[in-house]
Structures are given as structure tokens and as C-alpha cells.
C-alpha atoms as a PDB file:
ATOM      1  CA  MET A   1     -10.583   9.294  -1.699  1.00  0.00           C
ATOM      2  CA  ILE A   2      -8.348  11.317   0.624  1.00  0.00           C
ATOM      3  CA  ARG A   3      -9.853  13.915   2.913  1.00  0.00           C
ATOM      4  CA  GLU A   4      -9.333  15.501   6.304  1.00  0.00           C
ATOM      5  CA  ALA A   5     -10.527  13.448   9.250  1.00  0.00           C
ATOM      6  CA  ARG A   6     -13.907  14.193  10.808  1.00  0.00           C
ATOM      7  CA  PRO A   7     -15.140  13.442  14.339  1.00  0.00           C
ATOM      8  CA  GLU A   8     -17.106  10.437  13.123  1.00  0.00           C
ATOM      9  CA  ASP A   9     -13.818   8.833  11.976  1.00  0.00           C
ATOM     10  CA  ALA A  10     -12.535   8.529  15.560  1.00  0.00           C
ATOM     11  CA  ALA A  11     -13.244   4.827  16.105  1.00  0.00           C
ATOM     12  CA  ARG A  12     -11.731   3.752  12.794  1.00  0.00           C
ATOM     13  CA  ILE A  13      -8.612   5.910  13.270  1.00  0.00           C
ATOM     14  CA  GLU A  14      -8.235   4.403  16.738  1.00  0.00           C
ATOM     15  CA  THR A  15      -8.381   0.922  15.196  1.00  0.00           C
ATOM     16  CA  LEU A  16      -5.658   1.870  12.706  1.00  0.00           C
ATOM     17  CA  TYR A  17      -3.479   3.284  15.488  1.00  0.00           C
ATOM     18  CA  ARG A  18      -3.869   0.011  17.412  1.00  0.00           C
ATOM     19  CA  ILE A  19      -2.544  -1.812  14.336  1.00  0.00           C
ATOM     20  CA  LEU A  20       0.390   0.598  14.112  1.00  0.00           C
ATOM     21  CA  LEU A  21       1.186   0.553  17.832  1.00  0.00           C
ATOM     22  CA  PRO A  22       0.043  -2.839  19.180  1.00  0.00           C
ATOM     23  CA  ASP A  23       2.024  -2.539  22.433  1.00  0.00           C
ATOM     24  CA  LEU A  24       0.598   0.859  23.377  1.00  0.00           C
ATOM     25  CA  LYS A  25      -2.338   0.296  25.718  1.00  0.00           C
ATOM     26  CA  ASN A  26      -3.654   3.829  26.229  1.00  0.00           C
ATOM     27  CA  ILE A  27      -4.695   4.651  22.659  1.00  0.00           C
ATOM     28  CA  TYR A  28      -7.853   6.718  22.583  1.00  0.00           C
ATOM     29  CA  VAL A  29      -8.996   8.865  19.658  1.00  0.00           C
ATOM     30  CA  SER A  30     -11.847  11.148  20.667  1.00  0.00           C
ATOM     31  CA  PRO A  31     -14.260  12.858  18.292  1.00  0.00           C
ATOM     32  CA  GLN A  32     -13.664  16.100  20.217  1.00  0.00           C
ATOM     33  CA  ARG A  33      -9.919  15.907  19.579  1.00  0.00           C
ATOM     34  CA  LEU A  34     -10.547  15.344  15.871  1.00  0.00           C
ATOM     35  CA  SER A  35     -12.661  18.514  15.881  1.00  0.00           C
ATOM     36  CA  GLN A  36      -9.809  20.429  17.522  1.00  0.00           C
ATOM     37  CA  ILE A  37      -7.350  19.104  14.938  1.00  0.00           C
ATOM     38  CA  ALA A  38      -9.708  20.114  12.130  1.00  0.00           C
ATOM     39  CA  ASP A  39      -9.839  23.643  13.578  1.00  0.00           C
ATOM     40  CA  ASN A  40      -6.032  23.926  13.702  1.00  0.00           C
ATOM     41  CA  PRO A  41      -4.627  25.093  10.340  1.00  0.00           C
ATOM     42  CA  ASP A  42      -1.197  23.702  11.231  1.00  0.00           C
ATOM     43  CA  SER A  43      -2.378  20.177  12.041  1.00  0.00           C
ATOM     44  CA  LEU A  44      -3.856  18.155   9.206  1.00  0.00           C
ATOM     45  CA  LEU A  45      -5.072  14.620   9.855  1.00  0.00           C
ATOM     46  CA  PHE A  46      -5.801  12.880   6.571  1.00  0.00           C
ATOM     47  CA  VAL A  47      -7.731   9.690   5.983  1.00  0.00           C
ATOM     48  CA  TYR A  48      -7.962   7.480   2.934  1.00  0.00           C
ATOM     49  CA  GLU A  49     -11.422   6.138   2.298  1.00  0.00           C
ATOM     50  CA  VAL A  50     -12.381   3.096   0.204  1.00  0.00           C
ATOM     51  CA  ASP A  51     -16.097   2.442  -0.334  1.00  0.00           C
ATOM     52  CA  GLY A  52     -16.965   4.666   2.627  1.00  0.00           C
ATOM     53  CA  GLU A  53     -14.515   2.971   5.019  1.00  0.00           C
ATOM     54  CA  VAL A  54     -11.405   4.670   6.419  1.00  0.00           C
ATOM     55  CA  VAL A  55      -8.503   2.335   5.550  1.00  0.00           C
ATOM     56  CA  GLY A  56      -5.516   4.617   6.075  1.00  0.00           C
ATOM     57  CA  THR A  57      -4.351   7.748   7.814  1.00  0.00           C
ATOM     58  CA  ALA A  58      -1.423  10.163   8.080  1.00  0.00           C
ATOM     59  CA  HIS A  59      -0.997  13.221  10.308  1.00  0.00           C
ATOM     60  CA  LEU A  60       0.835  16.291   9.004  1.00  0.00           C
ATOM     61  CA  HIS A  61       2.039  18.924  11.459  1.00  0.00           C
ATOM     62  CA  LEU A  62       3.279  22.253  10.109  1.00  0.00           C
ATOM     63  CA  CYS A  63       5.875  23.840  12.360  1.00  0.00           C
ATOM     64  CA  MET A  64       7.086  27.426  12.323  1.00  0.00           C
ATOM     65  CA  ASP A  65      10.801  27.695  11.692  1.00  0.00           C
ATOM     66  CA  ALA A  66      13.156  30.594  12.442  1.00  0.00           C
ATOM     67  CA  LEU A  67      15.780  29.246  10.031  1.00  0.00           C
ATOM     68  CA  SER A  68      14.044  29.828   6.725  1.00  0.00           C
ATOM     69  CA  GLY A  69      12.189  33.102   6.848  1.00  0.00           C
ATOM     70  CA  ASP A  70       8.482  32.478   6.953  1.00  0.00           C
ATOM     71  CA  ARG A  71       8.593  28.935   5.585  1.00  0.00           C
ATOM     72  CA  PRO A  72       7.438  26.167   7.908  1.00  0.00           C
ATOM     73  CA  PHE A  73       8.568  22.561   7.871  1.00  0.00           C
ATOM     74  CA  GLY A  74       6.264  19.580   7.989  1.00  0.00           C
ATOM     75  CA  VAL A  75       6.353  16.502  10.187  1.00  0.00           C
ATOM     76  CA  ILE A  76       4.346  13.480   9.090  1.00  0.00           C
ATOM     77  CA  GLU A  77       3.447  10.957  11.758  1.00  0.00           C
ATOM     78  CA  ARG A  78       1.329   7.874  12.283  1.00  0.00           C
ATOM     79  CA  VAL A  79       1.162   6.729   8.698  1.00  0.00           C
ATOM     80  CA  VAL A  80      -0.824   3.507   8.747  1.00  0.00           C
ATOM     81  CA  ILE A  81      -2.767   1.558   6.161  1.00  0.00           C
ATOM     82  CA  ALA A  82      -5.039  -1.339   7.091  1.00  0.00           C
ATOM     83  CA  PRO A  83      -3.132  -4.585   6.358  1.00  0.00           C
ATOM     84  CA  GLU A  84      -5.696  -5.835   3.854  1.00  0.00           C
ATOM     85  CA  HIS A  85      -5.277  -2.634   1.808  1.00  0.00           C
ATOM     86  CA  ARG A  86      -1.477  -2.497   1.707  1.00  0.00           C
ATOM     87  CA  GLY A  87       0.345  -2.817  -1.594  1.00  0.00           C
ATOM     88  CA  LYS A  88      -2.368  -0.949  -3.513  1.00  0.00           C
ATOM     89  CA  GLY A  89      -0.719   2.484  -3.647  1.00  0.00           C
ATOM     90  CA  ILE A  90      -2.756   3.924  -0.776  1.00  0.00           C
ATOM     91  CA  GLY A  91       0.290   4.730   1.360  1.00  0.00           C
ATOM     92  CA  ALA A  92       2.050   6.462  -1.515  1.00  0.00           C
ATOM     93  CA  SER A  93      -1.106   8.427  -2.329  1.00  0.00           C
ATOM     94  CA  ILE A  94      -1.718   9.659   1.202  1.00  0.00           C
ATOM     95  CA  LEU A  95       1.943  10.657   1.611  1.00  0.00           C
ATOM     96  CA  GLN A  96       1.883  12.511  -1.707  1.00  0.00           C
ATOM     97  CA  PHE A  97      -1.289  14.254  -0.571  1.00  0.00           C
ATOM     98  CA  ALA A  98       0.396  15.297   2.693  1.00  0.00           C
ATOM     99  CA  GLU A  99       3.469  16.522   0.803  1.00  0.00           C
ATOM    100  CA  GLU A 100       1.301  18.582  -1.533  1.00  0.00           C
ATOM    101  CA  ALA A 101      -0.561  20.074   1.439  1.00  0.00           C
ATOM    102  CA  ALA A 102       2.775  21.016   3.026  1.00  0.00           C
ATOM    103  CA  SER A 103       4.013  22.481  -0.244  1.00  0.00           C
ATOM    104  CA  ALA A 104       0.818  24.505  -0.687  1.00  0.00           C
ATOM    105  CA  ARG A 105       1.537  26.080   2.695  1.00  0.00           C
ATOM    106  CA  GLY A 106       5.106  26.924   1.689  1.00  0.00           C
ATOM    107  CA  ALA A 107       6.908  24.197   3.648  1.00  0.00           C
ATOM    108  CA  LEU A 108      10.638  23.927   3.053  1.00  0.00           C
ATOM    109  CA  LYS A 109      10.693  20.188   3.743  1.00  0.00           C
ATOM    110  CA  VAL A 110       8.743  17.340   5.262  1.00  0.00           C
ATOM    111  CA  MET A 111      10.105  14.806   7.682  1.00  0.00           C
ATOM    112  CA  LEU A 112       8.507  11.662   8.952  1.00  0.00           C
ATOM    113  CA  SER A 113       9.061   9.392  11.876  1.00  0.00           C
ATOM    114  CA  SER A 114       8.899   5.622  11.878  1.00  0.00           C
ATOM    115  CA  ASN A 115       9.639   3.009  14.499  1.00  0.00           C
ATOM    116  CA  LYS A 116      13.137   1.610  13.994  1.00  0.00           C
ATOM    117  CA  THR A 117      11.769  -1.942  13.789  1.00  0.00           C
ATOM    118  CA  ARG A 118       9.485  -1.258  10.792  1.00  0.00           C
ATOM    119  CA  LYS A 119      11.987  -2.255   8.099  1.00  0.00           C
ATOM    120  CA  ASP A 120       9.349  -2.761   5.388  1.00  0.00           C
ATOM    121  CA  ALA A 121       8.020   0.737   6.061  1.00  0.00           C
ATOM    122  CA  HIS A 122      11.559   2.138   5.861  1.00  0.00           C
ATOM    123  CA  ARG A 123      12.087   0.587   2.431  1.00  0.00           C
ATOM    124  CA  PHE A 124       8.712   1.989   1.352  1.00  0.00           C
ATOM    125  CA  TYR A 125       9.647   5.506   2.520  1.00  0.00           C
ATOM    126  CA  GLU A 126      13.025   5.288   0.787  1.00  0.00           C
ATOM    127  CA  ARG A 127      11.309   4.309  -2.473  1.00  0.00           C
ATOM    128  CA  LEU A 128       9.270   7.510  -2.136  1.00  0.00           C
ATOM    129  CA  GLY A 129      12.429   9.601  -1.789  1.00  0.00           C
ATOM    130  CA  TYR A 130      12.747   9.922   1.990  1.00  0.00           C
ATOM    131  CA  ASP A 131      16.294   9.776   3.332  1.00  0.00           C
ATOM    132  CA  GLY A 132      16.606   7.955   6.631  1.00  0.00           C
ATOM    133  CA  GLU A 133      20.382   8.232   6.766  1.00  0.00           C
ATOM    134  CA  GLY A 134      20.917  11.975   7.093  1.00  0.00           C
ATOM    135  CA  SER A 135      19.291  12.481  10.490  1.00  0.00           C
ATOM    136  CA  LYS A 136      18.358  10.638  13.616  1.00  0.00           C
ATOM    137  CA  LEU A 137      15.111  11.246  15.462  1.00  0.00           C
ATOM    138  CA  PHE A 138      15.204  11.445  19.241  1.00  0.00           C
ATOM    139  CA  LYS A 139      12.097  11.569  21.383  1.00  0.00           C
ATOM    140  CA  LYS A 140      11.293  11.743  25.035  1.00  0.00           C
ATOM    141  CA  TYR A 141       7.872  11.070  26.466  1.00  0.00           C
ATOM    142  CA  ILE A 142       6.734  13.519  29.139  1.00  0.00           C
ATOM    143  CA  SER A 143       4.598  12.104  31.908  1.00  0.00           C
ATOM    144  CA  LEU A 144       1.782  14.124  33.381  1.00  0.00           C
END
């Protein structure tokens, strides 16, 4: 079952993020932040549940765009499925769910980011129709 994340999912989402980003030491997912995300119509954090356990997640951000009238674009980040549940169609299902949510809100396109070292994930995204050749993602972390 796919649904939007709830505050009580914080610990499990944090565990999934630690799997996705094992070198990042300051990962902390707070129940309060999940409540804020749930209250934001342009930020949709989805979880995939199997037998009551959260085994996957994907975060869809809808961004206003001046280029295409009133149509936003979507950015999907932090797609992660628990290793023991990979290869069962969960990743494809949660991405399709995110795409449908973006489409329902009129999005022109969805983009996703993935670490350049995750070659298996890149092949997976390409099988789902994502083109990693047409653009290059740049990011810069801002320190507080």
C-alpha cells in the first residue's frame, strides 16, 4: 500500500535514509517535520507499506514554474526501498504513484536526482523512462 507519510513513520523513514546515504552522519527525521510536510500541498512524502511496515519511500516536490503558464514541475528525491524488498516492483510502484500525483496537479514533467555512483538505480530509472543523458544536476550545500 502506498500512502503519504505520517509522523509515526519518522523512525522507519530515517532508517531507510541511512541505507540510502550511509556516509551522511547527521540524518534525523522528526515527526514534527513529517507533520509540516503533510501540511504542505507542494511537498508529498510517500511511503510503501508491506504488512504494516514502511519498506520504501519517495519524496515529490512540486515547484512553480514561470516557463509553462500555471503548470508546475515535479522533483522526486530520496527514492529508497529496503534491500530485502528490492526487485518486487515496489520502486516502480512508488515512482508511478508519485508521477500520477504530479500529473493530477498539472505538472509538465518530473525529474529525479540520484547519486552518480548508483549505477543499478540509474538502469532502473532508465527502464522506467527517465532520461539521464539530457541534463546534468548540480547542487551546492549551504551551511548554516
